[in-house]
Amino acid sequence: MKKILKYTIIGITSFFLVLLVFSNLLRWAKQGAFLKYDNGVTIEVYNSSKQVITDLNFYFSFSGYHVYQDLGTINQLKPGEKTSRYSHQIKDTGNDRSLYLQYPINKTEAEVESLAYLPSYKPSKVVVILEITGIDNKGKLLFKVRGYENVFGQYEFDLTSDRE
């Protein structure tokens, strides 16, 4: 009777250990390099261009212009400089929101770019790594983005060629 109890406890413990290892492996496979970031919103920005970049505003919105959650502004980023923004909370109401970047393209206009799409009603983790590589002849930023959001996983896109 004691052997049965002993083997039952060992079996149940082994099952939960295997389950824990398996779930951590699945999480690592989905998040990859983004596993090291905490839940919430992390935005890392690197200026690899030769220009000073100013007034980068990050926010969540449903339409691009109505700010749902302000994530902060980077006032100035010199060439070769890197900075980051972190918010531990993502407001949890509404589907189909995006994380936007708004910046000035001249003294009277602003450009809005979507950096991450969140189809989830209650997202828990968003990571955006933005590398600004230059400015085109109209004043729009040229950049590369890679990131992670907890529904579709990792993503990457490149807007480094001249725009139309």
Protein backbone atom coordinates (compact mmCIF):
# COMPACT_ATOMS: atom_id res chain seq x y z
CA MET A 1 0.00 0.00 0.00
CA LYS A 2 2.87 2.39 0.83
CA LYS A 3 4.53 1.58 -2.51
CA ILE A 4 1.36 2.44 -4.42
CA LEU A 5 1.07 5.78 -2.61
CA LYS A 6 4.76 6.48 -3.17
CA TYR A 7 4.58 5.72 -6.92
CA THR A 8 1.35 7.71 -7.26
CA ILE A 9 2.94 10.79 -5.69
CA ILE A 10 6.06 10.38 -7.87
CA GLY A 11 3.86 10.00 -10.98
CA ILE A 12 1.74 13.07 -10.20
CA THR A 13 4.84 15.17 -9.41
CA SER A 14 6.56 13.98 -12.59
CA PHE A 15 3.48 14.82 -14.65
CA PHE A 16 3.34 18.37 -13.31
CA LEU A 17 7.08 18.88 -13.83
CA VAL A 18 6.83 17.69 -17.44
CA LEU A 19 3.79 19.94 -17.95
CA LEU A 20 5.68 22.93 -16.51
CA VAL A 21 8.72 22.30 -18.72
CA PHE A 22 6.51 21.82 -21.78
CA SER A 23 4.58 25.05 -21.18
CA ASN A 24 7.85 26.99 -20.72
CA LEU A 25 9.21 25.53 -23.96
CA LEU A 26 6.05 26.57 -25.83
CA ARG A 27 6.29 30.09 -24.37
CA TRP A 28 9.96 30.31 -25.38
CA ALA A 29 9.19 29.05 -28.89
CA LYS A 30 6.47 31.69 -29.37
CA GLN A 31 8.31 34.65 -27.82
CA GLY A 32 11.93 33.86 -28.66
CA ALA A 33 14.15 36.86 -27.90
CA PHE A 34 11.13 38.77 -26.55
CA LEU A 35 10.76 36.41 -23.57
CA LYS A 36 13.13 38.60 -21.53
CA TYR A 37 10.67 41.53 -21.61
CA ASP A 38 8.07 41.95 -18.87
CA ASN A 39 4.33 41.99 -19.46
CA GLY A 40 3.01 45.41 -20.38
CA VAL A 41 4.30 47.64 -23.18
CA THR A 42 7.99 48.01 -23.95
CA ILE A 43 9.13 50.35 -26.71
CA GLU A 44 12.83 50.54 -27.56
CA VAL A 45 13.97 53.18 -30.04
CA TYR A 46 17.39 53.39 -31.67
CA ASN A 47 18.42 56.26 -33.93
CA SER A 48 20.91 54.87 -36.47
CA SER A 49 20.35 57.84 -38.78
CA LYS A 50 22.64 60.85 -39.00
CA GLN A 51 19.86 63.28 -38.00
CA VAL A 52 18.47 64.37 -34.65
CA ILE A 53 14.94 62.97 -34.31
CA THR A 54 12.41 64.91 -32.24
CA ASP A 55 8.92 64.60 -30.80
CA LEU A 56 8.17 60.89 -31.15
CA ASN A 57 4.81 60.25 -29.49
CA PHE A 58 3.59 56.70 -28.81
CA TYR A 59 -0.01 55.76 -28.01
CA PHE A 60 -2.73 53.12 -28.37
CA SER A 61 -5.72 54.02 -30.49
CA PHE A 62 -8.59 52.46 -32.38
CA SER A 63 -8.49 54.90 -35.28
CA GLY A 64 -4.99 56.39 -35.29
CA TYR A 65 -5.98 59.83 -34.10
CA HIS A 66 -8.11 59.33 -30.98
CA VAL A 67 -5.63 58.58 -28.19
CA TYR A 68 -6.83 55.68 -26.08
CA GLN A 69 -3.71 55.26 -23.93
CA ASP A 70 -0.72 57.61 -24.06
CA LEU A 71 2.58 55.71 -23.81
CA GLY A 72 4.90 58.70 -23.72
CA THR A 73 6.95 61.01 -25.88
CA ILE A 74 10.62 61.01 -26.77
CA ASN A 75 11.53 64.68 -27.07
CA GLN A 76 14.90 64.23 -28.77
CA LEU A 77 17.04 61.34 -29.97
CA LYS A 78 20.53 62.12 -31.23
CA PRO A 79 22.34 60.00 -33.85
CA GLY A 80 23.48 56.71 -32.33
CA GLU A 81 21.34 57.22 -29.22
CA LYS A 82 18.98 54.58 -27.83
CA THR A 83 16.14 54.96 -25.36
CA SER A 84 13.09 53.04 -24.19
CA ARG A 85 9.63 53.48 -22.74
CA TYR A 86 7.83 50.99 -20.51
CA SER A 87 4.29 50.86 -19.21
CA HIS A 88 3.33 48.01 -16.92
CA GLN A 89 -0.35 48.37 -17.80
CA ILE A 90 -2.26 47.97 -21.02
CA LYS A 91 -5.78 49.32 -20.72
CA ASP A 92 -7.90 46.26 -21.34
CA THR A 93 -10.97 47.42 -23.20
CA GLY A 94 -11.63 46.96 -26.87
CA ASN A 95 -10.54 44.87 -29.82
CA ASP A 96 -8.56 45.92 -32.86
CA ARG A 97 -6.39 48.64 -31.42
CA SER A 98 -2.95 49.56 -32.67
CA LEU A 99 0.14 51.05 -31.14
CA TYR A 100 0.91 54.21 -33.09
CA LEU A 101 3.88 56.50 -33.54
CA GLN A 102 3.15 60.15 -34.30
CA TYR A 103 5.90 62.58 -35.31
CA PRO A 104 6.18 65.95 -37.07
CA ILE A 105 7.08 65.96 -40.77
CA ASN A 106 7.16 69.74 -41.06
CA LYS A 107 6.02 72.69 -39.01
CA THR A 108 2.34 72.21 -39.80
CA GLU A 109 1.85 68.46 -40.31
CA ALA A 110 2.21 65.25 -38.35
CA GLU A 111 2.62 61.70 -39.62
CA VAL A 112 1.04 58.69 -37.89
CA GLU A 113 2.45 55.16 -38.30
CA SER A 114 1.06 51.92 -36.88
CA LEU A 115 3.83 49.92 -35.19
CA ALA A 116 1.80 47.05 -33.74
CA TYR A 117 -1.72 45.71 -34.25
CA LEU A 118 -3.43 44.13 -31.23
CA PRO A 119 -6.46 42.01 -32.14
CA SER A 120 -6.92 40.84 -28.55
CA TYR A 121 -9.55 42.25 -26.22
CA LYS A 122 -7.14 42.02 -23.29
CA PRO A 123 -3.51 42.02 -24.46
CA SER A 124 -0.88 41.33 -21.83
CA LYS A 125 2.43 41.94 -23.58
CA VAL A 126 3.57 44.17 -26.42
CA VAL A 127 7.20 44.77 -27.38
CA VAL A 128 8.24 47.16 -30.16
CA ILE A 129 11.87 47.61 -31.20
CA LEU A 130 12.11 50.56 -33.58
CA GLU A 131 15.28 51.44 -35.48
CA ILE A 132 15.13 54.80 -37.24
CA THR A 133 17.47 54.69 -40.22
CA GLY A 134 16.81 58.07 -41.82
CA ILE A 135 14.36 60.65 -43.11
CA ASP A 136 13.04 60.73 -46.67
CA ASN A 137 12.79 63.86 -48.83
CA LYS A 138 9.26 64.60 -47.53
CA GLY A 139 10.32 64.43 -43.88
CA LYS A 140 8.88 60.97 -43.15
CA LEU A 141 10.90 58.58 -41.03
CA LEU A 142 12.55 55.55 -42.57
CA PHE A 143 12.63 52.72 -40.06
CA LYS A 144 12.67 49.02 -39.24
CA VAL A 145 10.37 47.49 -36.66
CA ARG A 146 10.39 44.13 -35.01
CA GLY A 147 8.23 43.15 -32.14
CA TYR A 148 5.96 40.82 -30.29
CA GLU A 149 2.32 40.87 -29.23
CA ASN A 150 0.73 38.04 -27.33
CA VAL A 151 -1.89 36.94 -29.91
CA PHE A 152 -0.02 36.51 -33.20
CA GLY A 153 3.49 36.45 -31.75
CA GLN A 154 6.58 37.91 -33.38
CA TYR A 155 6.47 40.26 -36.36
CA GLU A 156 8.84 42.40 -38.40
CA PHE A 157 8.57 45.02 -41.14
CA ASP A 158 10.90 47.41 -42.92
CA LEU A 159 10.15 50.95 -44.14
CA THR A 160 13.69 51.97 -45.05
CA SER A 161 13.25 52.65 -48.74
CA ASP A 162 12.03 56.01 -50.05
CA ARG A 163 8.30 56.42 -49.76
CA GLU A 164 6.01 57.53 -52.54
